[in-house]
Amino acid sequence: MSRMYRYRLPPWCRHWLYVIEKATMPICVYQLIRTLIFPTTIDVFLLGLCIGLHLAFRFKWI
């Protein structure tokens, strides 16, 4: 199974990956504030998902 390389994707797909990569940090901060104010199970789950997605972009797993 070959590894996914970002630069093999079509240009429109690379553009959307770049947009999502830049948007993960503000979304994580918003979700952290929301979780601190209204701590529900779904908020904690979404915060973990946002942090995991941000780390995946940060370490170039995606």
PDB file of N, CA and C in Angstrom:
ATOM      1  N   MET A   1       0.849  -1.174   0.000  1.00  0.00           N
ATOM      2  CA  MET A   1       0.000   0.000   0.000  1.00  0.00           C
ATOM      3  C   MET A   1       0.894   1.235   0.000  1.00  0.00           C
ATOM      4  N   SER A   2       0.674   2.121  -0.918  1.00  0.00           N
ATOM      5  CA  SER A   2       1.533   3.299  -1.014  1.00  0.00           C
ATOM      6  C   SER A   2       1.021   4.409  -0.096  1.00  0.00           C
ATOM      7  N   ARG A   3       1.933   5.247   0.296  1.00  0.00           N
ATOM      8  CA  ARG A   3       1.608   6.354   1.177  1.00  0.00           C
ATOM      9  C   ARG A   3       0.945   7.470   0.368  1.00  0.00           C
ATOM     10  N   MET A   4       0.034   8.192   1.023  1.00  0.00           N
ATOM     11  CA  MET A   4      -0.636   9.294   0.334  1.00  0.00           C
ATOM     12  C   MET A   4       0.275  10.516   0.327  1.00  0.00           C
ATOM     13  N   TYR A   5       0.568  11.013  -0.847  1.00  0.00           N
ATOM     14  CA  TYR A   5       1.358  12.226  -0.974  1.00  0.00           C
ATOM     15  C   TYR A   5       0.448  13.372  -1.366  1.00  0.00           C
ATOM     16  N   ARG A   6       0.556  14.448  -0.663  1.00  0.00           N
ATOM     17  CA  ARG A   6      -0.282  15.607  -0.860  1.00  0.00           C
ATOM     18  C   ARG A   6      -0.120  16.189  -2.264  1.00  0.00           C
ATOM     19  N   TYR A   7       1.070  16.111  -2.819  1.00  0.00           N
ATOM     20  CA  TYR A   7       1.336  16.745  -4.098  1.00  0.00           C
ATOM     21  C   TYR A   7       0.887  15.901  -5.295  1.00  0.00           C
ATOM     22  N   ARG A   8       0.437  14.687  -5.061  1.00  0.00           N
ATOM     23  CA  ARG A   8      -0.122  13.869  -6.144  1.00  0.00           C
ATOM     24  C   ARG A   8      -1.609  14.164  -6.356  1.00  0.00           C
ATOM     25  N   LEU A   9      -2.191  14.901  -5.435  1.00  0.00           N
ATOM     26  CA  LEU A   9      -3.616  15.210  -5.533  1.00  0.00           C
ATOM     27  C   LEU A   9      -3.856  16.308  -6.555  1.00  0.00           C
ATOM     28  N   PRO A  10      -5.077  16.409  -7.055  1.00  0.00           N
ATOM     29  CA  PRO A  10      -5.405  17.504  -7.969  1.00  0.00           C
ATOM     30  C   PRO A  10      -5.262  18.857  -7.261  1.00  0.00           C
ATOM     31  N   PRO A  11      -5.031  19.913  -8.015  1.00  0.00           N
ATOM     32  CA  PRO A  11      -4.821  21.233  -7.390  1.00  0.00           C
ATOM     33  C   PRO A  11      -5.981  21.697  -6.510  1.00  0.00           C
ATOM     34  N   TRP A  12      -7.228  21.437  -6.905  1.00  0.00           N
ATOM     35  CA  TRP A  12      -8.361  21.875  -6.095  1.00  0.00           C
ATOM     36  C   TRP A  12      -8.396  21.144  -4.760  1.00  0.00           C
ATOM     37  N   CYS A  13      -7.996  19.888  -4.752  1.00  0.00           N
ATOM     38  CA  CYS A  13      -7.974  19.104  -3.511  1.00  0.00           C
ATOM     39  C   CYS A  13      -6.856  19.596  -2.590  1.00  0.00           C
ATOM     40  N   ARG A  14      -5.691  19.897  -3.167  1.00  0.00           N
ATOM     41  CA  ARG A  14      -4.594  20.455  -2.368  1.00  0.00           C
ATOM     42  C   ARG A  14      -4.981  21.788  -1.767  1.00  0.00           C
ATOM     43  N   HIS A  15      -5.720  22.593  -2.519  1.00  0.00           N
ATOM     44  CA  HIS A  15      -6.167  23.887  -2.007  1.00  0.00           C
ATOM     45  C   HIS A  15      -7.073  23.706  -0.789  1.00  0.00           C
ATOM     46  N   TRP A  16      -8.016  22.784  -0.863  1.00  0.00           N
ATOM     47  CA  TRP A  16      -8.920  22.554   0.262  1.00  0.00           C
ATOM     48  C   TRP A  16      -8.183  21.978   1.460  1.00  0.00           C
ATOM     49  N   LEU A  17      -7.186  21.134   1.237  1.00  0.00           N
ATOM     50  CA  LEU A  17      -6.379  20.648   2.356  1.00  0.00           C
ATOM     51  C   LEU A  17      -5.644  21.798   3.038  1.00  0.00           C
ATOM     52  N   TYR A  18      -5.133  22.723   2.259  1.00  0.00           N
ATOM     53  CA  TYR A  18      -4.450  23.880   2.812  1.00  0.00           C
ATOM     54  C   TYR A  18      -5.417  24.739   3.629  1.00  0.00           C
ATOM     55  N   VAL A  19      -6.627  24.959   3.128  1.00  0.00           N
ATOM     56  CA  VAL A  19      -7.626  25.755   3.840  1.00  0.00           C
ATOM     57  C   VAL A  19      -8.007  25.079   5.156  1.00  0.00           C
ATOM     58  N   ILE A  20      -8.240  23.779   5.120  1.00  0.00           N
ATOM     59  CA  ILE A  20      -8.598  23.052   6.336  1.00  0.00           C
ATOM     60  C   ILE A  20      -7.448  23.073   7.333  1.00  0.00           C
ATOM     61  N   GLU A  21      -6.225  22.933   6.843  1.00  0.00           N
ATOM     62  CA  GLU A  21      -5.051  22.962   7.715  1.00  0.00           C
ATOM     63  C   GLU A  21      -4.945  24.291   8.458  1.00  0.00           C
ATOM     64  N   LYS A  22      -5.190  25.398   7.771  1.00  0.00           N
ATOM     65  CA  LYS A  22      -5.092  26.712   8.394  1.00  0.00           C
ATOM     66  C   LYS A  22      -6.277  27.010   9.309  1.00  0.00           C
ATOM     67  N   ALA A  23      -7.402  26.348   9.110  1.00  0.00           N
ATOM     68  CA  ALA A  23      -8.596  26.616   9.914  1.00  0.00           C
ATOM     69  C   ALA A  23      -8.683  25.769  11.174  1.00  0.00           C
ATOM     70  N   THR A  24      -7.838  24.758  11.325  1.00  0.00           N
ATOM     71  CA  THR A  24      -7.977  23.872  12.477  1.00  0.00           C
ATOM     72  C   THR A  24      -7.634  24.555  13.800  1.00  0.00           C
ATOM     73  N   MET A  25      -6.639  25.429  13.838  1.00  0.00           N
ATOM     74  CA  MET A  25      -6.261  26.061  15.096  1.00  0.00           C
ATOM     75  C   MET A  25      -7.361  26.978  15.645  1.00  0.00           C
ATOM     76  N   PRO A  26      -7.943  27.889  14.844  1.00  0.00           N
ATOM     77  CA  PRO A  26      -9.039  28.696  15.393  1.00  0.00           C
ATOM     78  C   PRO A  26     -10.240  27.859  15.836  1.00  0.00           C
ATOM     79  N   ILE A  27     -10.531  26.799  15.103  1.00  0.00           N
ATOM     80  CA  ILE A  27     -11.642  25.928  15.491  1.00  0.00           C
ATOM     81  C   ILE A  27     -11.329  25.223  16.808  1.00  0.00           C
ATOM     82  N   CYS A  28     -10.084  24.793  16.993  1.00  0.00           N
ATOM     83  CA  CYS A  28      -9.682  24.148  18.249  1.00  0.00           C
ATOM     84  C   CYS A  28      -9.793  25.118  19.428  1.00  0.00           C
ATOM     85  N   VAL A  29      -9.381  26.352  19.233  1.00  0.00           N
ATOM     86  CA  VAL A  29      -9.468  27.353  20.310  1.00  0.00           C
ATOM     87  C   VAL A  29     -10.926  27.621  20.657  1.00  0.00           C
ATOM     88  N   TYR A  30     -11.759  27.794  19.647  1.00  0.00           N
ATOM     89  CA  TYR A  30     -13.190  28.002  19.891  1.00  0.00           C
ATOM     90  C   TYR A  30     -13.797  26.813  20.637  1.00  0.00           C
ATOM     91  N   GLN A  31     -13.450  25.617  20.220  1.00  0.00           N
ATOM     92  CA  GLN A  31     -14.014  24.425  20.852  1.00  0.00           C
ATOM     93  C   GLN A  31     -13.501  24.270  22.278  1.00  0.00           C
ATOM     94  N   LEU A  32     -12.258  24.653  22.541  1.00  0.00           N
ATOM     95  CA  LEU A  32     -11.724  24.607  23.907  1.00  0.00           C
ATOM     96  C   LEU A  32     -12.489  25.557  24.812  1.00  0.00           C
ATOM     97  N   ILE A  33     -12.725  26.781  24.343  1.00  0.00           N
ATOM     98  CA  ILE A  33     -13.488  27.747  25.148  1.00  0.00           C
ATOM     99  C   ILE A  33     -14.901  27.240  25.384  1.00  0.00           C
ATOM    100  N   ARG A  34     -15.516  26.709  24.348  1.00  0.00           N
ATOM    101  CA  ARG A  34     -16.874  26.172  24.488  1.00  0.00           C
ATOM    102  C   ARG A  34     -16.912  25.003  25.467  1.00  0.00           C
ATOM    103  N   THR A  35     -15.890  24.150  25.425  1.00  0.00           N
ATOM    104  CA  THR A  35     -15.843  22.997  26.324  1.00  0.00           C
ATOM    105  C   THR A  35     -15.623  23.442  27.770  1.00  0.00           C
ATOM    106  N   LEU A  36     -14.845  24.480  27.972  1.00  0.00           N
ATOM    107  CA  LEU A  36     -14.636  24.984  29.331  1.00  0.00           C
ATOM    108  C   LEU A  36     -15.898  25.620  29.905  1.00  0.00           C
ATOM    109  N   ILE A  37     -16.704  26.243  29.043  1.00  0.00           N
ATOM    110  CA  ILE A  37     -17.928  26.900  29.514  1.00  0.00           C
ATOM    111  C   ILE A  37     -19.077  25.897  29.636  1.00  0.00           C
ATOM    112  N   PHE A  38     -19.287  25.068  28.620  1.00  0.00           N
ATOM    113  CA  PHE A  38     -20.378  24.089  28.606  1.00  0.00           C
ATOM    114  C   PHE A  38     -19.807  22.685  28.411  1.00  0.00           C
ATOM    115  N   PRO A  39     -19.276  22.077  29.468  1.00  0.00           N
ATOM    116  CA  PRO A  39     -18.629  20.760  29.289  1.00  0.00           C
ATOM    117  C   PRO A  39     -19.634  19.616  29.138  1.00  0.00           C
ATOM    118  N   THR A  40     -19.937  19.284  27.900  1.00  0.00           N
ATOM    119  CA  THR A  40     -20.769  18.111  27.637  1.00  0.00           C
ATOM    120  C   THR A  40     -19.905  17.040  26.976  1.00  0.00           C
ATOM    121  N   THR A  41     -20.426  15.856  26.900  1.00  0.00           N
ATOM    122  CA  THR A  41     -19.682  14.748  26.315  1.00  0.00           C
ATOM    123  C   THR A  41     -19.356  15.006  24.851  1.00  0.00           C
ATOM    124  N   ILE A  42     -20.308  15.539  24.118  1.00  0.00           N
ATOM    125  CA  ILE A  42     -20.079  15.784  22.687  1.00  0.00           C
ATOM    126  C   ILE A  42     -19.030  16.879  22.485  1.00  0.00           C
ATOM    127  N   ASP A  43     -18.992  17.879  23.371  1.00  0.00           N
ATOM    128  CA  ASP A  43     -17.977  18.933  23.254  1.00  0.00           C
ATOM    129  C   ASP A  43     -16.579  18.383  23.502  1.00  0.00           C
ATOM    130  N   VAL A  44     -16.446  17.521  24.481  1.00  0.00           N
ATOM    131  CA  VAL A  44     -15.144  16.909  24.756  1.00  0.00           C
ATOM    132  C   VAL A  44     -14.710  16.036  23.586  1.00  0.00           C
ATOM    133  N   PHE A  45     -15.652  15.289  23.011  1.00  0.00           N
ATOM    134  CA  PHE A  45     -15.355  14.454  21.850  1.00  0.00           C
ATOM    135  C   PHE A  45     -14.929  15.310  20.656  1.00  0.00           C
ATOM    136  N   LEU A  46     -15.643  16.400  20.388  1.00  0.00           N
ATOM    137  CA  LEU A  46     -15.293  17.277  19.281  1.00  0.00           C
ATOM    138  C   LEU A  46     -13.941  17.954  19.492  1.00  0.00           C
ATOM    139  N   LEU A  47     -13.636  18.322  20.737  1.00  0.00           N
ATOM    140  CA  LEU A  47     -12.331  18.918  21.024  1.00  0.00           C
ATOM    141  C   LEU A  47     -11.214  17.920  20.754  1.00  0.00           C
ATOM    142  N   GLY A  48     -11.393  16.675  21.165  1.00  0.00           N
ATOM    143  CA  GLY A  48     -10.391  15.645  20.883  1.00  0.00           C
ATOM    144  C   GLY A  48     -10.224  15.399  19.399  1.00  0.00           C
ATOM    145  N   LEU A  49     -11.325  15.422  18.677  1.00  0.00           N
ATOM    146  CA  LEU A  49     -11.277  15.247  17.227  1.00  0.00           C
ATOM    147  C   LEU A  49     -10.551  16.414  16.554  1.00  0.00           C
ATOM    148  N   CYS A  50     -10.824  17.634  17.003  1.00  0.00           N
ATOM    149  CA  CYS A  50     -10.155  18.818  16.442  1.00  0.00           C
ATOM    150  C   CYS A  50      -8.658  18.793  16.735  1.00  0.00           C
ATOM    151  N   ILE A  51      -8.294  18.445  17.949  1.00  0.00           N
ATOM    152  CA  ILE A  51      -6.876  18.382  18.304  1.00  0.00           C
ATOM    153  C   ILE A  51      -6.178  17.285  17.511  1.00  0.00           C
ATOM    154  N   GLY A  52      -6.828  16.136  17.354  1.00  0.00           N
ATOM    155  CA  GLY A  52      -6.247  15.061  16.554  1.00  0.00           C
ATOM    156  C   GLY A  52      -6.054  15.456  15.098  1.00  0.00           C
ATOM    157  N   LEU A  53      -7.020  16.164  14.536  1.00  0.00           N
ATOM    158  CA  LEU A  53      -6.900  16.623  13.156  1.00  0.00           C
ATOM    159  C   LEU A  53      -5.782  17.651  13.011  1.00  0.00           C
ATOM    160  N   HIS A  54      -5.689  18.554  13.984  1.00  0.00           N
ATOM    161  CA  HIS A  54      -4.623  19.554  13.935  1.00  0.00           C
ATOM    162  C   HIS A  54      -3.242  18.892  14.048  1.00  0.00           C
ATOM    163  N   LEU A  55      -3.114  17.918  14.932  1.00  0.00           N
ATOM    164  CA  LEU A  55      -1.834  17.215  15.066  1.00  0.00           C
ATOM    165  C   LEU A  55      -1.490  16.425  13.808  1.00  0.00           C
ATOM    166  N   ALA A  56      -2.498  15.865  13.160  1.00  0.00           N
ATOM    167  CA  ALA A  56      -2.250  15.127  11.919  1.00  0.00           C
ATOM    168  C   ALA A  56      -1.701  16.055  10.836  1.00  0.00           C
ATOM    169  N   PHE A  57      -2.237  17.265  10.753  1.00  0.00           N
ATOM    170  CA  PHE A  57      -1.698  18.230   9.797  1.00  0.00           C
ATOM    171  C   PHE A  57      -0.321  18.720  10.227  1.00  0.00           C
ATOM    172  N   ARG A  58      -0.126  18.929  11.523  1.00  0.00           N
ATOM    173  CA  ARG A  58       1.134  19.467  12.024  1.00  0.00           C
ATOM    174  C   ARG A  58       2.291  18.504  11.766  1.00  0.00           C
ATOM    175  N   PHE A  59       2.060  17.205  11.967  1.00  0.00           N
ATOM    176  CA  PHE A  59       3.128  16.204  11.773  1.00  0.00           C
ATOM    177  C   PHE A  59       3.128  15.609  10.374  1.00  0.00           C
ATOM    178  N   LYS A  60       2.364  16.226   9.459  1.00  0.00           N
ATOM    179  CA  LYS A  60       2.311  15.835   8.050  1.00  0.00           C
ATOM    180  C   LYS A  60       1.851  14.385   7.854  1.00  0.00           C
ATOM    181  N   TRP A  61       0.920  13.937   8.694  1.00  0.00           N
ATOM    182  CA  TRP A  61       0.332  12.620   8.495  1.00  0.00           C
ATOM    183  C   TRP A  61      -0.720  12.689   7.402  1.00  0.00           C
ATOM    184  N   ILE A  62      -1.237  13.889   7.160  1.00  0.00           N
ATOM    185  CA  ILE A  62      -2.227  14.102   6.095  1.00  0.00           C
ATOM    186  C   ILE A  62      -1.591  14.992   5.053  1.00  0.00           C
TER     187      ILE A  62
END
